[in-house]
Amino acid sequence: MAEKLDLTQIRKDFPILDQQVNGSPLVYFDNAATTQKPQLVLDALNHYYSKDNANIHRGLHTLAERATSGYELTRQKLANFLNAPSSDQIIFTSGTTAGINLVAQTFGRANF
């Protein structure tokens, strides 16, 4: 049997939801445009931009190496979570449209 979600606790994870709009708690449904981030993600982004901000796979200096290491660690964690055979199969895109286009173009070249 599925666990019941604790919506109050989930809302607490997202600082932006701790506000009222027109006298009611904020509810955000425009996820196609952008997705709200939980505090854990905001903290990770803040750490990256304040400590490790550099291009990945493009430099040999300390910041680039730390940024690349964090990027590759994230790919490995996702591969493990998705049970992918290799982190090489995890590809990040700028968004859904770019991801769909990548799949369509790759599939199209291989099959047509």
N, C-alpha and C. Protein backbone atom coordinates (compact mmCIF):
# COMPACT_ATOMS: atom_id res chain seq x y z
N MET A 1 0.84 -1.18 0.00
CA MET A 1 0.00 0.00 0.00
C MET A 1 0.89 1.25 0.00
N ALA A 2 0.52 2.24 -0.79
CA ALA A 2 1.30 3.46 -0.92
C ALA A 2 1.21 4.31 0.34
N GLU A 3 2.34 4.96 0.66
CA GLU A 3 2.35 5.87 1.80
C GLU A 3 1.56 7.14 1.46
N LYS A 4 0.92 7.70 2.45
CA LYS A 4 0.24 8.97 2.27
C LYS A 4 1.27 10.09 2.34
N LEU A 5 1.20 11.01 1.40
CA LEU A 5 2.13 12.13 1.39
C LEU A 5 1.76 13.16 2.45
N ASP A 6 2.76 13.65 3.16
CA ASP A 6 2.57 14.70 4.14
C ASP A 6 2.79 16.04 3.44
N LEU A 7 1.72 16.61 2.92
CA LEU A 7 1.83 17.84 2.14
C LEU A 7 2.35 19.02 2.95
N THR A 8 2.04 19.06 4.23
CA THR A 8 2.54 20.12 5.09
C THR A 8 4.07 20.06 5.15
N GLN A 9 4.61 18.86 5.33
CA GLN A 9 6.06 18.70 5.39
C GLN A 9 6.70 19.00 4.03
N ILE A 10 6.08 18.55 2.95
CA ILE A 10 6.61 18.82 1.62
C ILE A 10 6.66 20.33 1.37
N ARG A 11 5.60 21.05 1.72
CA ARG A 11 5.58 22.51 1.55
C ARG A 11 6.72 23.17 2.33
N LYS A 12 7.05 22.63 3.50
CA LYS A 12 8.13 23.21 4.31
C LYS A 12 9.49 23.10 3.63
N ASP A 13 9.64 22.13 2.73
CA ASP A 13 10.90 21.96 2.00
C ASP A 13 11.12 23.05 0.96
N PHE A 14 10.05 23.76 0.57
CA PHE A 14 10.11 24.77 -0.48
C PHE A 14 9.87 26.15 0.11
N PRO A 15 10.94 26.93 0.35
CA PRO A 15 10.78 28.22 1.01
C PRO A 15 9.81 29.16 0.30
N ILE A 16 9.74 29.09 -1.01
CA ILE A 16 8.87 30.01 -1.75
C ILE A 16 7.40 29.78 -1.42
N LEU A 17 7.06 28.59 -0.97
CA LEU A 17 5.67 28.29 -0.65
C LEU A 17 5.26 28.80 0.73
N ASP A 18 6.20 29.40 1.44
CA ASP A 18 5.90 29.94 2.76
C ASP A 18 5.45 31.39 2.63
N GLN A 19 4.45 31.62 1.80
CA GLN A 19 3.90 32.95 1.62
C GLN A 19 2.44 32.85 1.21
N GLN A 20 1.76 33.96 1.38
CA GLN A 20 0.36 34.02 1.00
C GLN A 20 0.23 34.89 -0.24
N VAL A 21 -0.65 34.49 -1.13
CA VAL A 21 -0.97 35.26 -2.32
C VAL A 21 -2.49 35.42 -2.34
N ASN A 22 -2.93 36.66 -2.38
CA ASN A 22 -4.37 36.96 -2.34
C ASN A 22 -5.05 36.32 -1.14
N GLY A 23 -4.34 36.31 -0.02
CA GLY A 23 -4.91 35.82 1.23
C GLY A 23 -4.92 34.31 1.40
N SER A 24 -4.29 33.58 0.49
CA SER A 24 -4.25 32.11 0.58
C SER A 24 -2.81 31.63 0.44
N PRO A 25 -2.51 30.46 1.00
CA PRO A 25 -1.16 29.90 0.81
C PRO A 25 -0.85 29.74 -0.67
N LEU A 26 0.38 30.10 -1.05
CA LEU A 26 0.79 29.99 -2.45
C LEU A 26 0.72 28.55 -2.93
N VAL A 27 0.10 28.37 -4.09
CA VAL A 27 0.10 27.10 -4.81
C VAL A 27 0.65 27.42 -6.19
N TYR A 28 1.65 26.68 -6.64
CA TYR A 28 2.34 26.99 -7.89
C TYR A 28 2.13 25.84 -8.87
N PHE A 29 1.44 26.12 -9.98
CA PHE A 29 1.16 25.09 -10.98
C PHE A 29 1.82 25.36 -12.33
N ASP A 30 2.64 26.37 -12.45
CA ASP A 30 3.24 26.71 -13.74
C ASP A 30 4.57 25.98 -13.93
N ASN A 31 4.58 24.68 -13.64
CA ASN A 31 5.81 23.89 -13.70
C ASN A 31 6.35 23.70 -15.11
N ALA A 32 5.53 23.93 -16.12
CA ALA A 32 6.05 23.85 -17.49
C ALA A 32 7.01 25.01 -17.76
N ALA A 33 6.82 26.12 -17.08
CA ALA A 33 7.68 27.29 -17.28
C ALA A 33 8.92 27.22 -16.39
N THR A 34 8.74 26.86 -15.13
CA THR A 34 9.87 26.71 -14.20
C THR A 34 9.38 25.87 -13.03
N THR A 35 10.30 25.25 -12.36
CA THR A 35 9.95 24.43 -11.21
C THR A 35 10.55 25.05 -9.97
N GLN A 36 9.77 25.14 -8.92
CA GLN A 36 10.27 25.67 -7.66
C GLN A 36 11.26 24.68 -7.04
N LYS A 37 12.22 25.23 -6.32
CA LYS A 37 13.29 24.40 -5.78
C LYS A 37 13.15 24.24 -4.27
N PRO A 38 13.41 23.02 -3.76
CA PRO A 38 13.45 22.84 -2.31
C PRO A 38 14.72 23.47 -1.74
N GLN A 39 14.71 23.71 -0.44
CA GLN A 39 15.85 24.36 0.21
C GLN A 39 17.15 23.61 -0.03
N LEU A 40 17.10 22.30 -0.07
CA LEU A 40 18.30 21.49 -0.31
C LEU A 40 18.95 21.86 -1.65
N VAL A 41 18.15 22.06 -2.67
CA VAL A 41 18.67 22.44 -3.99
C VAL A 41 19.19 23.86 -3.96
N LEU A 42 18.45 24.76 -3.32
CA LEU A 42 18.91 26.15 -3.21
C LEU A 42 20.26 26.22 -2.50
N ASP A 43 20.44 25.41 -1.46
CA ASP A 43 21.71 25.38 -0.73
C ASP A 43 22.84 24.87 -1.63
N ALA A 44 22.55 23.82 -2.40
CA ALA A 44 23.57 23.27 -3.30
C ALA A 44 23.95 24.28 -4.38
N LEU A 45 22.96 24.97 -4.94
CA LEU A 45 23.24 25.99 -5.94
C LEU A 45 24.05 27.14 -5.35
N ASN A 46 23.68 27.58 -4.17
CA ASN A 46 24.42 28.65 -3.50
C ASN A 46 25.87 28.23 -3.26
N HIS A 47 26.07 27.00 -2.81
CA HIS A 47 27.43 26.51 -2.59
C HIS A 47 28.22 26.51 -3.91
N TYR A 48 27.60 25.99 -4.96
CA TYR A 48 28.28 25.93 -6.26
C TYR A 48 28.68 27.33 -6.73
N TYR A 49 27.72 28.25 -6.74
CA TYR A 49 28.00 29.59 -7.27
C TYR A 49 28.95 30.39 -6.37
N SER A 50 29.00 30.09 -5.09
CA SER A 50 29.88 30.85 -4.21
C SER A 50 31.24 30.18 -3.99
N LYS A 51 31.38 28.89 -4.33
CA LYS A 51 32.63 28.17 -4.06
C LYS A 51 33.26 27.49 -5.28
N ASP A 52 32.44 26.98 -6.22
CA ASP A 52 32.97 26.12 -7.29
C ASP A 52 32.62 26.58 -8.70
N ASN A 53 32.09 27.75 -8.88
CA ASN A 53 31.57 28.19 -10.17
C ASN A 53 32.65 28.20 -11.25
N ALA A 54 32.59 27.23 -12.16
CA ALA A 54 33.53 27.13 -13.28
C ALA A 54 32.91 26.19 -14.31
N ASN A 55 33.42 26.26 -15.53
CA ASN A 55 32.94 25.36 -16.58
C ASN A 55 33.45 23.94 -16.32
N ILE A 56 32.56 22.97 -16.51
CA ILE A 56 32.96 21.58 -16.33
C ILE A 56 33.68 21.08 -17.58
N HIS A 57 34.58 20.14 -17.38
CA HIS A 57 35.34 19.50 -18.47
C HIS A 57 36.09 20.51 -19.34
N ARG A 58 36.41 21.71 -18.79
CA ARG A 58 37.03 22.73 -19.63
C ARG A 58 38.29 23.32 -19.02
N GLY A 59 38.67 22.90 -17.84
CA GLY A 59 39.85 23.52 -17.24
C GLY A 59 40.56 22.56 -16.32
N LEU A 60 41.81 22.91 -16.02
CA LEU A 60 42.61 22.10 -15.11
C LEU A 60 42.82 22.78 -13.76
N HIS A 61 42.23 23.95 -13.61
CA HIS A 61 42.40 24.65 -12.34
C HIS A 61 41.44 24.09 -11.29
N THR A 62 41.66 24.44 -10.06
CA THR A 62 40.94 23.86 -8.92
C THR A 62 39.43 23.99 -9.05
N LEU A 63 38.94 25.18 -9.39
CA LEU A 63 37.49 25.36 -9.48
C LEU A 63 36.88 24.48 -10.56
N ALA A 64 37.51 24.41 -11.72
CA ALA A 64 37.00 23.57 -12.80
C ALA A 64 37.02 22.10 -12.41
N GLU A 65 38.06 21.69 -11.72
CA GLU A 65 38.13 20.29 -11.30
C GLU A 65 37.05 19.97 -10.27
N ARG A 66 36.79 20.90 -9.34
CA ARG A 66 35.72 20.67 -8.36
C ARG A 66 34.36 20.67 -9.03
N ALA A 67 34.13 21.59 -9.96
CA ALA A 67 32.85 21.62 -10.67
C ALA A 67 32.65 20.35 -11.48
N THR A 68 33.69 19.89 -12.16
CA THR A 68 33.60 18.67 -12.95
C THR A 68 33.36 17.46 -12.05
N SER A 69 34.03 17.41 -10.93
CA SER A 69 33.85 16.30 -9.99
C SER A 69 32.41 16.26 -9.48
N GLY A 70 31.85 17.41 -9.13
CA GLY A 70 30.47 17.47 -8.66
C GLY A 70 29.48 17.06 -9.74
N TYR A 71 29.72 17.50 -10.95
CA TYR A 71 28.88 17.14 -12.09
C TYR A 71 28.90 15.63 -12.32
N GLU A 72 30.09 15.05 -12.34
CA GLU A 72 30.21 13.61 -12.58
C GLU A 72 29.63 12.80 -11.42
N LEU A 73 29.79 13.27 -10.20
CA LEU A 73 29.20 12.60 -9.05
C LEU A 73 27.68 12.60 -9.16
N THR A 74 27.11 13.70 -9.61
CA THR A 74 25.66 13.78 -9.80
C THR A 74 25.21 12.79 -10.86
N ARG A 75 25.94 12.70 -11.97
CA ARG A 75 25.59 11.72 -13.01
C ARG A 75 25.64 10.30 -12.45
N GLN A 76 26.63 10.00 -11.63
CA GLN A 76 26.76 8.66 -11.06
C GLN A 76 25.60 8.37 -10.11
N LYS A 77 25.25 9.34 -9.28
CA LYS A 77 24.13 9.15 -8.35
C LYS A 77 22.83 8.92 -9.10
N LEU A 78 22.62 9.67 -10.18
CA LEU A 78 21.41 9.46 -10.99
C LEU A 78 21.43 8.11 -11.67
N ALA A 79 22.57 7.70 -12.18
CA ALA A 79 22.67 6.38 -12.81
C ALA A 79 22.33 5.29 -11.81
N ASN A 80 22.84 5.41 -10.59
CA ASN A 80 22.52 4.43 -9.55
C ASN A 80 21.04 4.43 -9.23
N PHE A 81 20.46 5.63 -9.08
CA PHE A 81 19.05 5.76 -8.75
C PHE A 81 18.16 5.17 -9.85
N LEU A 82 18.55 5.40 -11.10
CA LEU A 82 17.76 4.91 -12.24
C LEU A 82 18.14 3.50 -12.67
N ASN A 83 19.13 2.93 -11.98
CA ASN A 83 19.63 1.60 -12.32
C ASN A 83 20.17 1.54 -13.75
N ALA A 84 20.81 2.62 -14.17
CA ALA A 84 21.44 2.67 -15.50
C ALA A 84 22.76 1.92 -15.44
N PRO A 85 23.12 1.24 -16.50
CA PRO A 85 24.38 0.49 -16.50
C PRO A 85 25.62 1.37 -16.35
N SER A 86 25.52 2.64 -16.76
CA SER A 86 26.69 3.51 -16.73
C SER A 86 26.25 4.96 -16.58
N SER A 87 27.08 5.76 -15.92
CA SER A 87 26.78 7.19 -15.81
C SER A 87 26.91 7.87 -17.17
N ASP A 88 27.59 7.23 -18.12
CA ASP A 88 27.69 7.78 -19.48
C ASP A 88 26.33 7.87 -20.15
N GLN A 89 25.37 7.13 -19.65
CA GLN A 89 24.03 7.15 -20.22
C GLN A 89 23.17 8.28 -19.65
N ILE A 90 23.70 9.03 -18.71
CA ILE A 90 22.98 10.15 -18.12
C ILE A 90 23.42 11.42 -18.83
N ILE A 91 22.48 12.08 -19.49
CA ILE A 91 22.77 13.29 -20.25
C ILE A 91 21.88 14.41 -19.73
N PHE A 92 22.49 15.52 -19.39
CA PHE A 92 21.73 16.69 -18.95
C PHE A 92 21.48 17.60 -20.14
N THR A 93 20.28 18.15 -20.22
CA THR A 93 19.95 19.13 -21.25
C THR A 93 19.44 20.39 -20.57
N SER A 94 19.26 21.43 -21.36
CA SER A 94 18.80 22.70 -20.80
C SER A 94 17.32 22.69 -20.44
N GLY A 95 16.60 21.69 -20.91
CA GLY A 95 15.17 21.61 -20.60
C GLY A 95 14.51 20.49 -21.38
N THR A 96 13.21 20.38 -21.20
CA THR A 96 12.45 19.31 -21.83
C THR A 96 12.52 19.36 -23.35
N THR A 97 12.33 20.54 -23.91
CA THR A 97 12.36 20.65 -25.38
C THR A 97 13.70 20.23 -25.94
N ALA A 98 14.78 20.66 -25.32
CA ALA A 98 16.12 20.25 -25.79
C ALA A 98 16.30 18.74 -25.66
N GLY A 99 15.77 18.16 -24.58
CA GLY A 99 15.86 16.71 -24.40
C GLY A 99 15.08 15.95 -25.46
N ILE A 100 13.86 16.40 -25.73
CA ILE A 100 13.03 15.75 -26.76
C ILE A 100 13.70 15.88 -28.12
N ASN A 101 14.22 17.07 -28.42
CA ASN A 101 14.90 17.26 -29.71
C ASN A 101 16.12 16.36 -29.83
N LEU A 102 16.87 16.20 -28.77
CA LEU A 102 18.04 15.33 -28.79
C LEU A 102 17.64 13.89 -29.08
N VAL A 103 16.61 13.40 -28.40
CA VAL A 103 16.14 12.04 -28.64
C VAL A 103 15.63 11.90 -30.07
N ALA A 104 14.82 12.85 -30.53
CA ALA A 104 14.26 12.77 -31.88
C ALA A 104 15.35 12.78 -32.94
N GLN A 105 16.32 13.68 -32.78
CA GLN A 105 17.39 13.76 -33.77
C GLN A 105 18.28 12.52 -33.75
N THR A 106 18.57 12.01 -32.58
CA THR A 106 19.40 10.81 -32.46
C THR A 106 18.68 9.60 -33.02
N PHE A 107 17.43 9.43 -32.65
CA PHE A 107 16.63 8.30 -33.14
C PHE A 107 16.45 8.43 -34.64
N GLY A 108 16.17 9.64 -35.10
CA GLY A 108 15.94 9.86 -36.53
C GLY A 108 17.16 9.52 -37.36
N ARG A 109 18.33 9.94 -36.91
CA ARG A 109 19.56 9.64 -37.67
C ARG A 109 19.84 8.15 -37.71
N ALA A 110 19.51 7.46 -36.64
CA ALA A 110 19.81 6.02 -36.56
C ALA A 110 18.79 5.17 -37.31
N ASN A 111 17.59 5.69 -37.53
CA ASN A 111 16.52 4.84 -38.05
C ASN A 111 15.91 5.31 -39.37
N PHE A 112 16.36 6.42 -39.91
CA PHE A 112 15.76 6.90 -41.17
C PHE A 112 16.82 7.29 -42.16
